[in-house]
């Protein structure tokens, strides 16, 4: 007969993983070993810790995106630029293509 199984509150585990903690942080929170956390996740969800954590981060990411978009809509210029670059793929630098494989050189002498 082995040790009694440590019970991990699964809703709390999911909520904690929305904060992107390390495995060590989760184990410390539940006062158990990292192996115990990994075994519970493997047994209950058939996933590795990082997969489980990333899956639970979806809600957090969407909340952050919604908040950033709301800030951009209210006139927060920095957040508007951030959203355009990170969510819409906008960039600051412009690239010039010469249509050949040769590098483009600009010889400007004042």
N, C-alpha and C. Protein backbone atom coordinates (compact mmCIF):
# COMPACT_ATOMS: atom_id res chain seq x y z
N UNK A 1 0.84 -1.17 0.00
CA UNK A 1 0.00 0.00 0.00
C UNK A 1 0.90 1.24 0.00
N UNK A 2 0.64 2.14 -0.95
CA UNK A 2 1.44 3.35 -1.08
C UNK A 2 0.81 4.52 -0.35
N UNK A 3 1.39 5.66 -0.56
CA UNK A 3 0.85 6.89 0.04
C UNK A 3 -0.51 7.21 -0.54
N UNK A 4 -1.35 7.89 0.23
CA UNK A 4 -2.65 8.30 -0.33
C UNK A 4 -2.44 9.34 -1.43
N UNK A 5 -3.30 9.27 -2.43
CA UNK A 5 -3.20 10.19 -3.56
C UNK A 5 -3.52 11.61 -3.11
N UNK A 6 -2.68 12.56 -3.53
CA UNK A 6 -2.92 13.98 -3.24
C UNK A 6 -4.01 14.47 -4.19
N UNK A 7 -5.03 15.09 -3.62
CA UNK A 7 -6.12 15.60 -4.43
C UNK A 7 -5.80 17.04 -4.86
N UNK A 8 -5.84 17.25 -6.14
CA UNK A 8 -5.60 18.59 -6.72
C UNK A 8 -6.95 19.10 -7.21
N UNK A 9 -7.31 20.30 -6.79
CA UNK A 9 -8.55 20.93 -7.22
C UNK A 9 -8.38 21.34 -8.69
N UNK A 10 -9.03 20.60 -9.59
CA UNK A 10 -8.83 20.81 -11.03
C UNK A 10 -9.28 22.20 -11.50
N UNK A 11 -10.43 22.73 -11.04
CA UNK A 11 -10.77 24.10 -11.44
C UNK A 11 -9.73 25.13 -11.00
N UNK A 12 -9.16 24.94 -9.80
CA UNK A 12 -8.11 25.85 -9.34
C UNK A 12 -6.85 25.69 -10.20
N UNK A 13 -6.54 24.46 -10.56
CA UNK A 13 -5.38 24.20 -11.41
C UNK A 13 -5.54 24.90 -12.76
N UNK A 14 -6.71 24.80 -13.36
CA UNK A 14 -6.97 25.47 -14.64
C UNK A 14 -6.86 26.98 -14.50
N UNK A 15 -7.46 27.53 -13.44
CA UNK A 15 -7.43 28.97 -13.23
C UNK A 15 -6.00 29.45 -13.00
N UNK A 16 -5.23 28.71 -12.23
CA UNK A 16 -3.84 29.07 -11.99
C UNK A 16 -3.03 29.07 -13.28
N UNK A 17 -3.30 28.11 -14.15
CA UNK A 17 -2.54 28.01 -15.41
C UNK A 17 -2.86 29.15 -16.37
N UNK A 18 -3.94 29.89 -16.13
CA UNK A 18 -4.26 31.06 -16.95
C UNK A 18 -3.26 32.20 -16.71
N UNK A 19 -2.48 32.08 -15.63
CA UNK A 19 -1.49 33.11 -15.29
C UNK A 19 -0.10 32.76 -15.80
N UNK A 20 0.03 31.67 -16.53
CA UNK A 20 1.29 31.17 -17.11
C UNK A 20 2.38 30.95 -16.06
N UNK A 21 2.06 30.16 -15.03
CA UNK A 21 3.06 29.89 -14.00
C UNK A 21 4.05 28.83 -14.47
N UNK A 22 5.15 28.72 -13.74
CA UNK A 22 6.07 27.62 -13.99
C UNK A 22 5.53 26.38 -13.28
N UNK A 23 6.05 25.23 -13.67
CA UNK A 23 5.67 24.00 -13.00
C UNK A 23 6.02 24.07 -11.52
N UNK A 24 7.17 24.66 -11.20
CA UNK A 24 7.58 24.81 -9.80
C UNK A 24 6.59 25.67 -9.02
N UNK A 25 6.09 26.74 -9.65
CA UNK A 25 5.10 27.61 -8.99
C UNK A 25 3.82 26.84 -8.69
N UNK A 26 3.35 26.04 -9.63
CA UNK A 26 2.12 25.28 -9.44
C UNK A 26 2.30 24.26 -8.32
N UNK A 27 3.44 23.58 -8.33
CA UNK A 27 3.71 22.60 -7.27
C UNK A 27 3.76 23.28 -5.91
N UNK A 28 4.39 24.45 -5.83
CA UNK A 28 4.46 25.18 -4.57
C UNK A 28 3.06 25.61 -4.12
N UNK A 29 2.23 26.06 -5.06
CA UNK A 29 0.88 26.50 -4.73
C UNK A 29 0.07 25.36 -4.11
N UNK A 30 0.19 24.15 -4.68
CA UNK A 30 -0.57 23.01 -4.19
C UNK A 30 0.20 22.22 -3.12
N UNK A 31 1.39 22.70 -2.78
CA UNK A 31 2.21 22.07 -1.76
C UNK A 31 2.45 20.58 -2.03
N UNK A 32 2.95 20.33 -3.24
CA UNK A 32 3.28 18.96 -3.63
C UNK A 32 4.49 19.01 -4.57
N UNK A 33 4.87 17.87 -5.09
CA UNK A 33 6.02 17.83 -5.99
C UNK A 33 5.61 18.17 -7.41
N UNK A 34 6.59 18.55 -8.20
CA UNK A 34 6.35 18.81 -9.62
C UNK A 34 5.86 17.54 -10.31
N UNK A 35 6.42 16.39 -9.91
CA UNK A 35 5.99 15.11 -10.49
C UNK A 35 4.51 14.87 -10.26
N UNK A 36 4.01 15.24 -9.08
CA UNK A 36 2.59 15.05 -8.77
C UNK A 36 1.73 15.87 -9.72
N UNK A 37 2.11 17.11 -9.95
CA UNK A 37 1.35 17.98 -10.87
C UNK A 37 1.35 17.38 -12.27
N UNK A 38 2.51 16.96 -12.73
CA UNK A 38 2.60 16.37 -14.07
C UNK A 38 1.75 15.11 -14.18
N UNK A 39 1.76 14.27 -13.14
CA UNK A 39 0.97 13.03 -13.16
C UNK A 39 -0.53 13.32 -13.18
N UNK A 40 -0.97 14.30 -12.39
CA UNK A 40 -2.39 14.66 -12.37
C UNK A 40 -2.83 15.15 -13.74
N UNK A 41 -2.04 16.02 -14.35
CA UNK A 41 -2.39 16.56 -15.66
C UNK A 41 -2.40 15.45 -16.70
N UNK A 42 -1.42 14.57 -16.65
CA UNK A 42 -1.37 13.44 -17.60
C UNK A 42 -2.57 12.53 -17.40
N UNK A 43 -2.92 12.23 -16.14
CA UNK A 43 -4.03 11.32 -15.84
C UNK A 43 -5.38 11.93 -16.22
N UNK A 44 -5.60 13.18 -15.86
CA UNK A 44 -6.91 13.82 -16.04
C UNK A 44 -7.14 14.41 -17.43
N UNK A 45 -6.05 14.87 -18.08
CA UNK A 45 -6.21 15.60 -19.33
C UNK A 45 -5.41 15.02 -20.49
N UNK A 46 -4.62 14.00 -20.23
CA UNK A 46 -3.79 13.36 -21.26
C UNK A 46 -2.89 14.38 -21.97
N UNK A 47 -2.33 15.27 -21.20
CA UNK A 47 -1.45 16.31 -21.75
C UNK A 47 -0.22 16.45 -20.87
N UNK A 48 0.80 17.07 -21.45
CA UNK A 48 1.97 17.46 -20.66
C UNK A 48 1.66 18.80 -20.02
N UNK A 49 2.43 19.17 -18.99
CA UNK A 49 2.17 20.41 -18.26
C UNK A 49 2.14 21.62 -19.19
N UNK A 50 3.16 21.76 -20.05
CA UNK A 50 3.22 22.94 -20.91
C UNK A 50 2.04 23.00 -21.88
N UNK A 51 1.61 21.87 -22.40
CA UNK A 51 0.45 21.85 -23.29
C UNK A 51 -0.81 22.29 -22.53
N UNK A 52 -0.96 21.75 -21.33
CA UNK A 52 -2.13 22.08 -20.50
C UNK A 52 -2.13 23.57 -20.15
N UNK A 53 -0.98 24.08 -19.74
CA UNK A 53 -0.88 25.51 -19.38
C UNK A 53 -1.19 26.39 -20.59
N UNK A 54 -0.61 26.06 -21.75
CA UNK A 54 -0.85 26.87 -22.94
C UNK A 54 -2.31 26.83 -23.37
N UNK A 55 -2.95 25.69 -23.23
CA UNK A 55 -4.36 25.57 -23.56
C UNK A 55 -5.19 26.49 -22.66
N UNK A 56 -4.83 26.56 -21.40
CA UNK A 56 -5.58 27.40 -20.46
C UNK A 56 -5.23 28.88 -20.59
N UNK A 57 -4.16 29.20 -21.26
CA UNK A 57 -3.76 30.59 -21.49
C UNK A 57 -4.59 31.27 -22.57
N UNK A 58 -5.34 30.51 -23.35
CA UNK A 58 -6.13 31.08 -24.44
C UNK A 58 -7.06 32.17 -23.93
N UNK A 59 -7.76 31.90 -22.85
CA UNK A 59 -8.70 32.89 -22.31
C UNK A 59 -7.97 34.17 -21.89
N UNK A 60 -6.81 34.02 -21.29
CA UNK A 60 -6.02 35.18 -20.88
C UNK A 60 -5.57 35.99 -22.09
N UNK A 61 -5.07 35.30 -23.12
CA UNK A 61 -4.62 36.00 -24.32
C UNK A 61 -5.76 36.78 -24.98
N UNK A 62 -6.92 36.16 -25.09
CA UNK A 62 -8.06 36.84 -25.70
C UNK A 62 -8.50 38.04 -24.87
N UNK A 63 -8.47 37.92 -23.55
CA UNK A 63 -8.82 39.04 -22.68
C UNK A 63 -7.85 40.20 -22.88
N UNK A 64 -6.55 39.87 -22.98
CA UNK A 64 -5.55 40.92 -23.20
C UNK A 64 -5.73 41.58 -24.57
N UNK A 65 -6.04 40.81 -25.58
CA UNK A 65 -6.27 41.37 -26.91
C UNK A 65 -7.49 42.29 -26.90
N UNK A 66 -8.58 41.84 -26.26
CA UNK A 66 -9.79 42.68 -26.17
C UNK A 66 -9.49 43.99 -25.45
N UNK A 67 -8.73 43.91 -24.36
CA UNK A 67 -8.38 45.11 -23.59
C UNK A 67 -7.51 46.05 -24.43
N UNK A 68 -6.54 45.50 -25.14
CA UNK A 68 -5.68 46.33 -25.99
C UNK A 68 -6.50 47.03 -27.06
N UNK A 69 -7.42 46.32 -27.68
CA UNK A 69 -8.27 46.93 -28.71
C UNK A 69 -9.17 48.02 -28.13
N UNK A 70 -9.70 47.80 -26.94
CA UNK A 70 -10.51 48.83 -26.30
C UNK A 70 -9.68 50.08 -26.02
N UNK A 71 -8.45 49.89 -25.55
CA UNK A 71 -7.56 51.02 -25.29
C UNK A 71 -7.26 51.78 -26.59
N UNK A 72 -7.03 51.03 -27.66
CA UNK A 72 -6.76 51.67 -28.95
C UNK A 72 -7.96 52.47 -29.42
N UNK A 73 -9.16 51.94 -29.20
CA UNK A 73 -10.39 52.64 -29.61
C UNK A 73 -10.61 53.93 -28.83
N UNK A 74 -10.12 54.00 -27.62
CA UNK A 74 -10.34 55.20 -26.80
C UNK A 74 -9.32 56.29 -27.10
N UNK A 75 -8.44 56.04 -28.06
CA UNK A 75 -7.49 57.08 -28.45
C UNK A 75 -6.10 56.91 -27.89
N UNK A 76 -5.81 55.80 -27.27
CA UNK A 76 -4.47 55.53 -26.77
C UNK A 76 -3.58 55.24 -27.97
N UNK A 77 -2.84 56.25 -28.41
CA UNK A 77 -2.05 56.15 -29.64
C UNK A 77 -1.00 55.05 -29.56
N UNK A 78 -0.33 54.93 -28.42
CA UNK A 78 0.68 53.89 -28.27
C UNK A 78 0.06 52.50 -28.43
N UNK A 79 -1.11 52.30 -27.84
CA UNK A 79 -1.78 51.00 -27.95
C UNK A 79 -2.30 50.77 -29.36
N UNK A 80 -2.73 51.82 -30.04
CA UNK A 80 -3.17 51.70 -31.43
C UNK A 80 -2.01 51.23 -32.31
N UNK A 81 -0.85 51.84 -32.14
CA UNK A 81 0.33 51.44 -32.90
C UNK A 81 0.72 50.00 -32.56
N UNK A 82 0.71 49.67 -31.28
CA UNK A 82 1.04 48.31 -30.84
C UNK A 82 0.11 47.30 -31.50
N UNK A 83 -1.20 47.57 -31.49
CA UNK A 83 -2.17 46.64 -32.07
C UNK A 83 -1.98 46.51 -33.58
N UNK A 84 -1.72 47.62 -34.26
CA UNK A 84 -1.51 47.56 -35.70
C UNK A 84 -0.28 46.71 -36.04
N UNK A 85 0.78 46.87 -35.26
CA UNK A 85 2.00 46.11 -35.53
C UNK A 85 1.85 44.64 -35.14
N UNK A 86 1.28 44.37 -33.98
CA UNK A 86 1.26 43.02 -33.46
C UNK A 86 0.05 42.20 -33.88
N UNK A 87 -1.07 42.84 -34.14
CA UNK A 87 -2.26 42.10 -34.53
C UNK A 87 -2.55 42.18 -36.03
N UNK A 88 -2.05 43.25 -36.65
CA UNK A 88 -2.34 43.46 -38.08
C UNK A 88 -1.12 43.31 -38.98
N UNK A 89 0.05 43.11 -38.40
CA UNK A 89 1.25 42.88 -39.20
C UNK A 89 1.88 44.13 -39.80
N UNK A 90 1.51 45.30 -39.31
CA UNK A 90 2.12 46.52 -39.82
C UNK A 90 3.56 46.62 -39.35
N UNK A 91 4.42 47.27 -40.17
CA UNK A 91 5.83 47.47 -39.81
C UNK A 91 6.22 48.91 -40.06
N UNK A 92 7.29 49.35 -39.39
CA UNK A 92 7.78 50.71 -39.55
C UNK A 92 8.67 50.87 -40.77
N UNK A 93 9.48 49.86 -41.04
CA UNK A 93 10.45 50.01 -42.14
C UNK A 93 9.83 49.57 -43.45
N UNK A 94 10.26 50.23 -44.50
CA UNK A 94 9.79 49.88 -45.83
C UNK A 94 10.95 49.26 -46.59
N UNK A 95 10.66 48.22 -47.34
CA UNK A 95 11.69 47.55 -48.11
C UNK A 95 11.51 47.89 -49.58
N UNK A 96 12.63 48.13 -50.24
CA UNK A 96 12.62 48.43 -51.67
C UNK A 96 13.17 47.22 -52.40
N UNK A 97 12.44 46.76 -53.37
CA UNK A 97 12.88 45.61 -54.14
C UNK A 97 13.32 46.08 -55.52
N UNK A 98 14.49 45.60 -55.97
CA UNK A 98 14.98 45.99 -57.30
C UNK A 98 14.54 45.00 -58.36
N UNK A 99 13.97 43.89 -57.95
CA UNK A 99 13.53 42.90 -58.92
C UNK A 99 14.66 41.99 -59.38
N UNK A 100 15.85 42.16 -58.83
CA UNK A 100 16.98 41.30 -59.16
C UNK A 100 17.60 40.78 -57.87
N UNK A 101 18.56 39.89 -58.03
CA UNK A 101 19.27 39.37 -56.87
C UNK A 101 20.41 40.28 -56.44
N UNK A 102 20.72 41.28 -57.26
CA UNK A 102 21.81 42.18 -56.94
C UNK A 102 21.38 43.15 -55.85
N UNK A 103 22.28 43.42 -54.89
CA UNK A 103 21.92 44.39 -53.84
C UNK A 103 21.77 45.78 -54.42
N UNK A 104 20.88 46.53 -53.84
CA UNK A 104 20.62 47.89 -54.27
C UNK A 104 21.55 48.82 -53.52
N UNK A 105 22.29 49.66 -54.24
CA UNK A 105 23.20 50.60 -53.60
C UNK A 105 22.77 52.01 -53.95
N UNK A 106 22.77 52.83 -52.95
CA UNK A 106 22.43 54.25 -53.15
C UNK A 106 23.71 55.04 -52.95
N UNK A 107 24.20 55.64 -54.01
CA UNK A 107 25.43 56.43 -53.94
C UNK A 107 25.05 57.91 -53.90
N UNK A 108 24.99 58.43 -52.72
CA UNK A 108 24.61 59.84 -52.55
C UNK A 108 25.79 60.57 -51.99
N UNK A 109 26.21 61.61 -52.71
CA UNK A 109 27.31 62.46 -52.24
C UNK A 109 26.85 63.90 -52.29
N UNK A 110 26.77 64.52 -51.11
CA UNK A 110 26.31 65.92 -51.10
C UNK A 110 27.32 66.88 -51.67
